[in-house]
Amino acid sequence: MVKNAIKRTKSKKLKRVLDARQLALKLVANVTYGYTAANWSGRMPCAELADAILGKGRETLEKAIEMVQRGNYGGAEVIYGDTDSLFVLLRGASVADAFAIGRRIADDVTNANPDPVVLKLEKVYKGCVLETKKRYAGWMFEHEQDEGKLDAKGIETVRRDTCPIVAEMLEKSLELIFKQNWKKLVTYLNT
């Protein structure tokens, strides 16, 4: 709900407030899970509940992966799945085609699960580098009409322990790579 509101609003100030709210909700959910998962140091240890939450999440993710791989989705191939996310490769698809197929996948997975499980198509990448688990960068589109922008998670461009010049150089280099502007990339790296 909050992420949808972030996408709909034009106000930068409201976007920041809503983003802080969604991060707070995520933190509360993670802390609540953490209370139950911490068996000896937790305030409310309940390993059975923590295991059930993880098991159900894993089962739902595996079911979604299987549906994509067995379904008729234009040659869709799951290349990454973790916790609550799927990365689906659609070789040769345009951004518009990827959104259309992604919406079909999201609807089919949602319909195959009981309420309140809902799979949402959040974004499409046209070009993506998956470094390791929870570390990736891609040229992101949140809507078909977007021009796209660099989106990075867990890599040096967004980590607080990275030297600022390294983060800046990597971000600019990735942007030029995803835009396939090879001449500018060579010039940038040689200056």
C-alpha atoms as a PDB file:
ATOM      1  CA  MET A   1       0.000   0.000   0.000  1.00  0.00           C
ATOM      2  CA  VAL A   2       2.678   2.499   1.002  1.00  0.00           C
ATOM      3  CA  LYS A   3       4.903   1.639  -1.987  1.00  0.00           C
ATOM      4  CA  ASN A   4       1.950   2.246  -4.332  1.00  0.00           C
ATOM      5  CA  ALA A   5       1.359   5.638  -2.711  1.00  0.00           C
ATOM      6  CA  ILE A   6       5.049   6.481  -3.224  1.00  0.00           C
ATOM      7  CA  LYS A   7       4.739   5.699  -6.934  1.00  0.00           C
ATOM      8  CA  ARG A   8       1.549   7.783  -7.325  1.00  0.00           C
ATOM      9  CA  THR A   9       2.654  10.972  -5.580  1.00  0.00           C
ATOM     10  CA  LYS A  10       4.503  13.761  -7.379  1.00  0.00           C
ATOM     11  CA  SER A  11       5.635  15.547  -4.198  1.00  0.00           C
ATOM     12  CA  LYS A  12       9.277  14.833  -3.334  1.00  0.00           C
ATOM     13  CA  LYS A  13       8.612  15.714   0.306  1.00  0.00           C
ATOM     14  CA  LEU A  14       5.688  13.278   0.529  1.00  0.00           C
ATOM     15  CA  LYS A  15       7.763  10.595  -1.242  1.00  0.00           C
ATOM     16  CA  ARG A  16      10.425  10.925   1.487  1.00  0.00           C
ATOM     17  CA  VAL A  17       7.797  10.693   4.244  1.00  0.00           C
ATOM     18  CA  LEU A  18       6.146   7.647   2.643  1.00  0.00           C
ATOM     19  CA  ASP A  19       9.506   5.972   2.020  1.00  0.00           C
ATOM     20  CA  ALA A  20      10.400   6.456   5.693  1.00  0.00           C
ATOM     21  CA  ARG A  21       7.023   4.963   6.628  1.00  0.00           C
ATOM     22  CA  GLN A  22       7.498   1.861   4.454  1.00  0.00           C
ATOM     23  CA  LEU A  23      11.003   1.371   5.852  1.00  0.00           C
ATOM     24  CA  ALA A  24       9.592   1.657   9.393  1.00  0.00           C
ATOM     25  CA  LEU A  25       6.921  -0.957   8.625  1.00  0.00           C
ATOM     26  CA  LYS A  26       9.563  -3.267   7.173  1.00  0.00           C
ATOM     27  CA  LEU A  27      11.731  -2.777  10.259  1.00  0.00           C
ATOM     28  CA  VAL A  28       8.820  -3.586  12.596  1.00  0.00           C
ATOM     29  CA  ALA A  29       8.048  -6.759  10.624  1.00  0.00           C
ATOM     30  CA  ASN A  30      11.704  -7.830  10.668  1.00  0.00           C
ATOM     31  CA  VAL A  31      12.116  -7.070  14.378  1.00  0.00           C
ATOM     32  CA  THR A  32       8.933  -8.986  15.203  1.00  0.00           C
ATOM     33  CA  TYR A  33      10.240 -11.983  13.270  1.00  0.00           C
ATOM     34  CA  GLY A  34      13.607 -11.516  14.995  1.00  0.00           C
ATOM     35  CA  TYR A  35      11.998 -11.658  18.434  1.00  0.00           C
ATOM     36  CA  THR A  36      10.574 -15.063  17.657  1.00  0.00           C
ATOM     37  CA  ALA A  37      13.682 -16.381  15.888  1.00  0.00           C
ATOM     38  CA  ALA A  38      16.207 -15.496  18.605  1.00  0.00           C
ATOM     39  CA  ASN A  39      15.932 -18.616  20.728  1.00  0.00           C
ATOM     40  CA  TRP A  40      18.077 -17.757  23.758  1.00  0.00           C
ATOM     41  CA  SER A  41      18.539 -13.980  23.610  1.00  0.00           C
ATOM     42  CA  GLY A  42      15.159 -13.004  22.192  1.00  0.00           C
ATOM     43  CA  ARG A  43      12.418 -11.352  24.185  1.00  0.00           C
ATOM     44  CA  MET A  44       9.703 -13.608  22.806  1.00  0.00           C
ATOM     45  CA  PRO A  45      11.473 -16.719  21.540  1.00  0.00           C
ATOM     46  CA  CYS A  46       9.297 -19.089  19.580  1.00  0.00           C
ATOM     47  CA  ALA A  47      11.397 -21.132  17.182  1.00  0.00           C
ATOM     48  CA  GLU A  48       8.330 -22.961  15.898  1.00  0.00           C
ATOM     49  CA  LEU A  49       6.702 -19.706  14.777  1.00  0.00           C
ATOM     50  CA  ALA A  50       9.928 -18.433  13.198  1.00  0.00           C
ATOM     51  CA  ASP A  51      10.420 -21.744  11.375  1.00  0.00           C
ATOM     52  CA  ALA A  52       6.811 -21.701  10.182  1.00  0.00           C
ATOM     53  CA  ILE A  53       7.187 -18.151   8.823  1.00  0.00           C
ATOM     54  CA  LEU A  54      10.408 -19.031   6.994  1.00  0.00           C
ATOM     55  CA  GLY A  55       9.024 -22.333   5.730  1.00  0.00           C
ATOM     56  CA  LYS A  56       5.848 -20.762   4.368  1.00  0.00           C
ATOM     57  CA  GLY A  57       7.828 -18.000   2.695  1.00  0.00           C
ATOM     58  CA  ARG A  58      10.208 -20.500   1.104  1.00  0.00           C
ATOM     59  CA  GLU A  59       7.305 -22.703  -0.029  1.00  0.00           C
ATOM     60  CA  THR A  60       5.517 -19.725  -1.611  1.00  0.00           C
ATOM     61  CA  LEU A  61       8.702 -18.616  -3.392  1.00  0.00           C
ATOM     62  CA  GLU A  62       9.429 -22.132  -4.700  1.00  0.00           C
ATOM     63  CA  LYS A  63       5.836 -22.452  -5.930  1.00  0.00           C
ATOM     64  CA  ALA A  64       6.155 -19.134  -7.792  1.00  0.00           C
ATOM     65  CA  ILE A  65       9.460 -20.202  -9.375  1.00  0.00           C
ATOM     66  CA  GLU A  66       7.940 -23.485 -10.525  1.00  0.00           C
ATOM     67  CA  MET A  67       4.894 -21.703 -11.975  1.00  0.00           C
ATOM     68  CA  VAL A  68       7.087 -19.358 -14.014  1.00  0.00           C
ATOM     69  CA  GLN A  69       9.323 -22.139 -15.292  1.00  0.00           C
ATOM     70  CA  ARG A  70       6.390 -24.379 -16.261  1.00  0.00           C
ATOM     71  CA  GLY A  71       4.111 -21.618 -17.546  1.00  0.00           C
ATOM     72  CA  ASN A  72       3.646 -20.101 -20.959  1.00  0.00           C
ATOM     73  CA  TYR A  73       5.364 -16.769 -20.387  1.00  0.00           C
ATOM     74  CA  GLY A  74       7.350 -16.153 -23.548  1.00  0.00           C
ATOM     75  CA  GLY A  75      10.400 -18.187 -22.555  1.00  0.00           C
ATOM     76  CA  ALA A  76      10.591 -16.679 -19.062  1.00  0.00           C
ATOM     77  CA  GLU A  77      13.435 -18.030 -16.949  1.00  0.00           C
ATOM     78  CA  VAL A  78      13.833 -17.389 -13.209  1.00  0.00           C
ATOM     79  CA  ILE A  79      17.438 -16.302 -12.649  1.00  0.00           C
ATOM     80  CA  TYR A  80      17.185 -15.222  -9.002  1.00  0.00           C
ATOM     81  CA  GLY A  81      14.745 -15.749  -6.169  1.00  0.00           C
ATOM     82  CA  ASP A  82      15.287 -14.692  -2.572  1.00  0.00           C
ATOM     83  CA  THR A  83      12.938 -14.187   0.369  1.00  0.00           C
ATOM     84  CA  ASP A  84      10.203 -12.191  -1.360  1.00  0.00           C
ATOM     85  CA  SER A  85      11.617 -11.413  -4.800  1.00  0.00           C
ATOM     86  CA  LEU A  86      11.885 -13.054  -8.206  1.00  0.00           C
ATOM     87  CA  PHE A  87      14.074 -11.935 -11.077  1.00  0.00           C
ATOM     88  CA  VAL A  88      12.725 -13.313 -14.337  1.00  0.00           C
ATOM     89  CA  LEU A  89      14.771 -13.165 -17.542  1.00  0.00           C
ATOM     90  CA  LEU A  90      12.797 -12.502 -20.741  1.00  0.00           C
ATOM     91  CA  ARG A  91      15.369 -12.667 -23.528  1.00  0.00           C
ATOM     92  CA  GLY A  92      14.702 -10.187 -26.321  1.00  0.00           C
ATOM     93  CA  ALA A  93      11.565  -8.719 -24.734  1.00  0.00           C
ATOM     94  CA  SER A  94      10.901  -4.999 -24.924  1.00  0.00           C
ATOM     95  CA  VAL A  95      10.188  -3.081 -21.728  1.00  0.00           C
ATOM     96  CA  ALA A  96       6.466  -3.021 -22.627  1.00  0.00           C
ATOM     97  CA  ASP A  97       6.445  -6.788 -23.270  1.00  0.00           C
ATOM     98  CA  ALA A  98       8.277  -7.407 -19.986  1.00  0.00           C
ATOM     99  CA  PHE A  99       5.642  -5.396 -18.108  1.00  0.00           C
ATOM    100  CA  ALA A 100       2.800  -7.282 -19.809  1.00  0.00           C
ATOM    101  CA  ILE A 101       4.335 -10.702 -19.108  1.00  0.00           C
ATOM    102  CA  GLY A 102       5.318  -9.644 -15.584  1.00  0.00           C
ATOM    103  CA  ARG A 103       1.742  -8.591 -14.812  1.00  0.00           C
ATOM    104  CA  ARG A 104       0.471 -11.961 -16.088  1.00  0.00           C
ATOM    105  CA  ILE A 105       2.968 -13.808 -13.903  1.00  0.00           C
ATOM    106  CA  ALA A 106       2.043 -11.687 -10.858  1.00  0.00           C
ATOM    107  CA  ASP A 107      -1.683 -12.281 -11.419  1.00  0.00           C
ATOM    108  CA  ASP A 108      -1.237 -16.033 -11.934  1.00  0.00           C
ATOM    109  CA  VAL A 109       0.958 -16.460  -8.843  1.00  0.00           C
ATOM    110  CA  THR A 110      -1.433 -14.344  -6.759  1.00  0.00           C
ATOM    111  CA  ASN A 111      -4.426 -16.416  -7.923  1.00  0.00           C
ATOM    112  CA  ALA A 112      -2.596 -19.662  -7.080  1.00  0.00           C
ATOM    113  CA  ASN A 113      -2.090 -18.598  -3.452  1.00  0.00           C
ATOM    114  CA  PRO A 114      -4.539 -18.002  -0.604  1.00  0.00           C
ATOM    115  CA  ASP A 115      -5.316 -14.498   0.663  1.00  0.00           C
ATOM    116  CA  PRO A 116      -3.481 -12.376   1.688  1.00  0.00           C
ATOM    117  CA  VAL A 117      -0.544 -13.527  -0.513  1.00  0.00           C
ATOM    118  CA  VAL A 118      -0.130 -11.082  -3.396  1.00  0.00           C
ATOM    119  CA  LEU A 119       2.730 -10.997  -5.883  1.00  0.00           C
ATOM    120  CA  LYS A 120       3.291  -7.495  -7.248  1.00  0.00           C
ATOM    121  CA  LEU A 121       5.296  -6.474 -10.275  1.00  0.00           C
ATOM    122  CA  GLU A 122       7.419  -3.681  -8.869  1.00  0.00           C
ATOM    123  CA  LYS A 123       9.865  -2.985 -11.668  1.00  0.00           C
ATOM    124  CA  VAL A 124      11.429  -4.153 -14.895  1.00  0.00           C
ATOM    125  CA  TYR A 125      15.159  -4.090 -15.559  1.00  0.00           C
ATOM    126  CA  LYS A 126      16.551  -3.650 -19.044  1.00  0.00           C
ATOM    127  CA  GLY A 127      19.988  -4.919 -18.241  1.00  0.00           C
ATOM    128  CA  CYS A 128      20.951  -6.212 -14.830  1.00  0.00           C
ATOM    129  CA  VAL A 129      24.085  -7.403 -13.060  1.00  0.00           C
ATOM    130  CA  LEU A 130      23.516  -9.920 -10.265  1.00  0.00           C
ATOM    131  CA  GLU A 131      26.724  -9.943  -8.237  1.00  0.00           C
ATOM    132  CA  THR A 132      25.707 -12.186  -5.324  1.00  0.00           C
ATOM    133  CA  LYS A 133      22.706 -12.648  -3.060  1.00  0.00           C
ATOM    134  CA  LYS A 134      21.145  -9.241  -2.289  1.00  0.00           C
ATOM    135  CA  ARG A 135      23.805  -7.440  -4.382  1.00  0.00           C
ATOM    136  CA  TYR A 136      22.760  -6.251  -7.825  1.00  0.00           C
ATOM    137  CA  ALA A 137      22.357  -3.284 -10.157  1.00  0.00           C
ATOM    138  CA  GLY A 138      20.146  -2.717 -13.159  1.00  0.00           C
ATOM    139  CA  TRP A 139      18.540  -0.149 -15.432  1.00  0.00           C
ATOM    140  CA  MET A 140      15.127   0.091 -13.760  1.00  0.00           C
ATOM    141  CA  PHE A 141      11.704   0.981 -15.117  1.00  0.00           C
ATOM    142  CA  GLU A 142       8.793   1.348 -12.681  1.00  0.00           C
ATOM    143  CA  HIS A 143       6.351   2.142 -15.511  1.00  0.00           C
ATOM    144  CA  GLU A 144       6.424   1.518 -19.242  1.00  0.00           C
ATOM    145  CA  GLN A 145       6.684   5.262 -19.929  1.00  0.00           C
ATOM    146  CA  ASP A 146       9.751   5.786 -17.717  1.00  0.00           C
ATOM    147  CA  GLU A 147      13.124   6.641 -19.212  1.00  0.00           C
ATOM    148  CA  GLY A 148      14.687   4.280 -16.720  1.00  0.00           C
ATOM    149  CA  LYS A 149      17.302   4.920 -14.072  1.00  0.00           C
ATOM    150  CA  LEU A 150      20.070   3.085 -12.292  1.00  0.00           C
ATOM    151  CA  ASP A 151      18.889   0.978  -9.359  1.00  0.00           C
ATOM    152  CA  ALA A 152      21.468  -0.640  -7.094  1.00  0.00           C
ATOM    153  CA  LYS A 153      21.139  -2.791  -3.992  1.00  0.00           C
ATOM    154  CA  GLY A 154      23.931  -3.903  -1.684  1.00  0.00           C
ATOM    155  CA  ILE A 155      26.800  -2.864  -3.965  1.00  0.00           C
ATOM    156  CA  GLU A 156      29.458  -0.200  -3.460  1.00  0.00           C
ATOM    157  CA  THR A 157      27.361   2.586  -5.000  1.00  0.00           C
ATOM    158  CA  VAL A 158      24.913   2.403  -2.081  1.00  0.00           C
ATOM    159  CA  ARG A 159      27.021   1.065   0.785  1.00  0.00           C
ATOM    160  CA  ARG A 160      27.972   3.551   3.502  1.00  0.00           C
ATOM    161  CA  ASP A 161      31.375   1.927   4.030  1.00  0.00           C
ATOM    162  CA  THR A 162      32.528   2.669   0.471  1.00  0.00           C
ATOM    163  CA  CYS A 163      34.916   5.497  -0.377  1.00  0.00           C
ATOM    164  CA  PRO A 164      32.792   8.238  -2.053  1.00  0.00           C
ATOM    165  CA  ILE A 165      35.006   8.465  -5.169  1.00  0.00           C
ATOM    166  CA  VAL A 166      34.710   4.698  -5.713  1.00  0.00           C
ATOM    167  CA  ALA A 167      30.924   4.841  -5.333  1.00  0.00           C
ATOM    168  CA  GLU A 168      30.679   7.793  -7.731  1.00  0.00           C
ATOM    169  CA  MET A 169      32.916   6.182 -10.370  1.00  0.00           C
ATOM    170  CA  LEU A 170      31.092   2.854 -10.204  1.00  0.00           C
ATOM    171  CA  GLU A 171      27.677   4.527 -10.409  1.00  0.00           C
ATOM    172  CA  LYS A 172      28.677   6.605 -13.463  1.00  0.00           C
ATOM    173  CA  SER A 173      30.301   3.574 -15.120  1.00  0.00           C
ATOM    174  CA  LEU A 174      27.234   1.388 -14.553  1.00  0.00           C
ATOM    175  CA  GLU A 175      24.965   4.110 -15.917  1.00  0.00           C
ATOM    176  CA  LEU A 176      27.046   4.338 -19.116  1.00  0.00           C
ATOM    177  CA  ILE A 177      27.181   0.533 -19.431  1.00  0.00           C
ATOM    178  CA  PHE A 178      23.400   0.167 -19.122  1.00  0.00           C
ATOM    179  CA  LYS A 179      22.916   3.004 -21.635  1.00  0.00           C
ATOM    180  CA  GLN A 180      25.444   1.184 -23.860  1.00  0.00           C
ATOM    181  CA  ASN A 181      27.370   4.408 -24.340  1.00  0.00           C
ATOM    182  CA  TRP A 182      30.755   2.759 -24.843  1.00  0.00           C
ATOM    183  CA  LYS A 183      32.620   5.832 -26.155  1.00  0.00           C
ATOM    184  CA  LYS A 184      31.621   7.933 -23.145  1.00  0.00           C
ATOM    185  CA  LEU A 185      32.516   5.045 -20.843  1.00  0.00           C
ATOM    186  CA  VAL A 186      36.027   4.743 -22.312  1.00  0.00           C
ATOM    187  CA  THR A 187      36.510   8.522 -22.114  1.00  0.00           C
ATOM    188  CA  TYR A 188      35.219   8.624 -18.537  1.00  0.00           C
ATOM    189  CA  LEU A 189      37.463   5.797 -17.367  1.00  0.00           C
ATOM    190  CA  ASN A 190      40.525   7.264 -19.099  1.00  0.00           C
ATOM    191  CA  THR A 191      40.188  10.722 -17.528  1.00  0.00           C
END
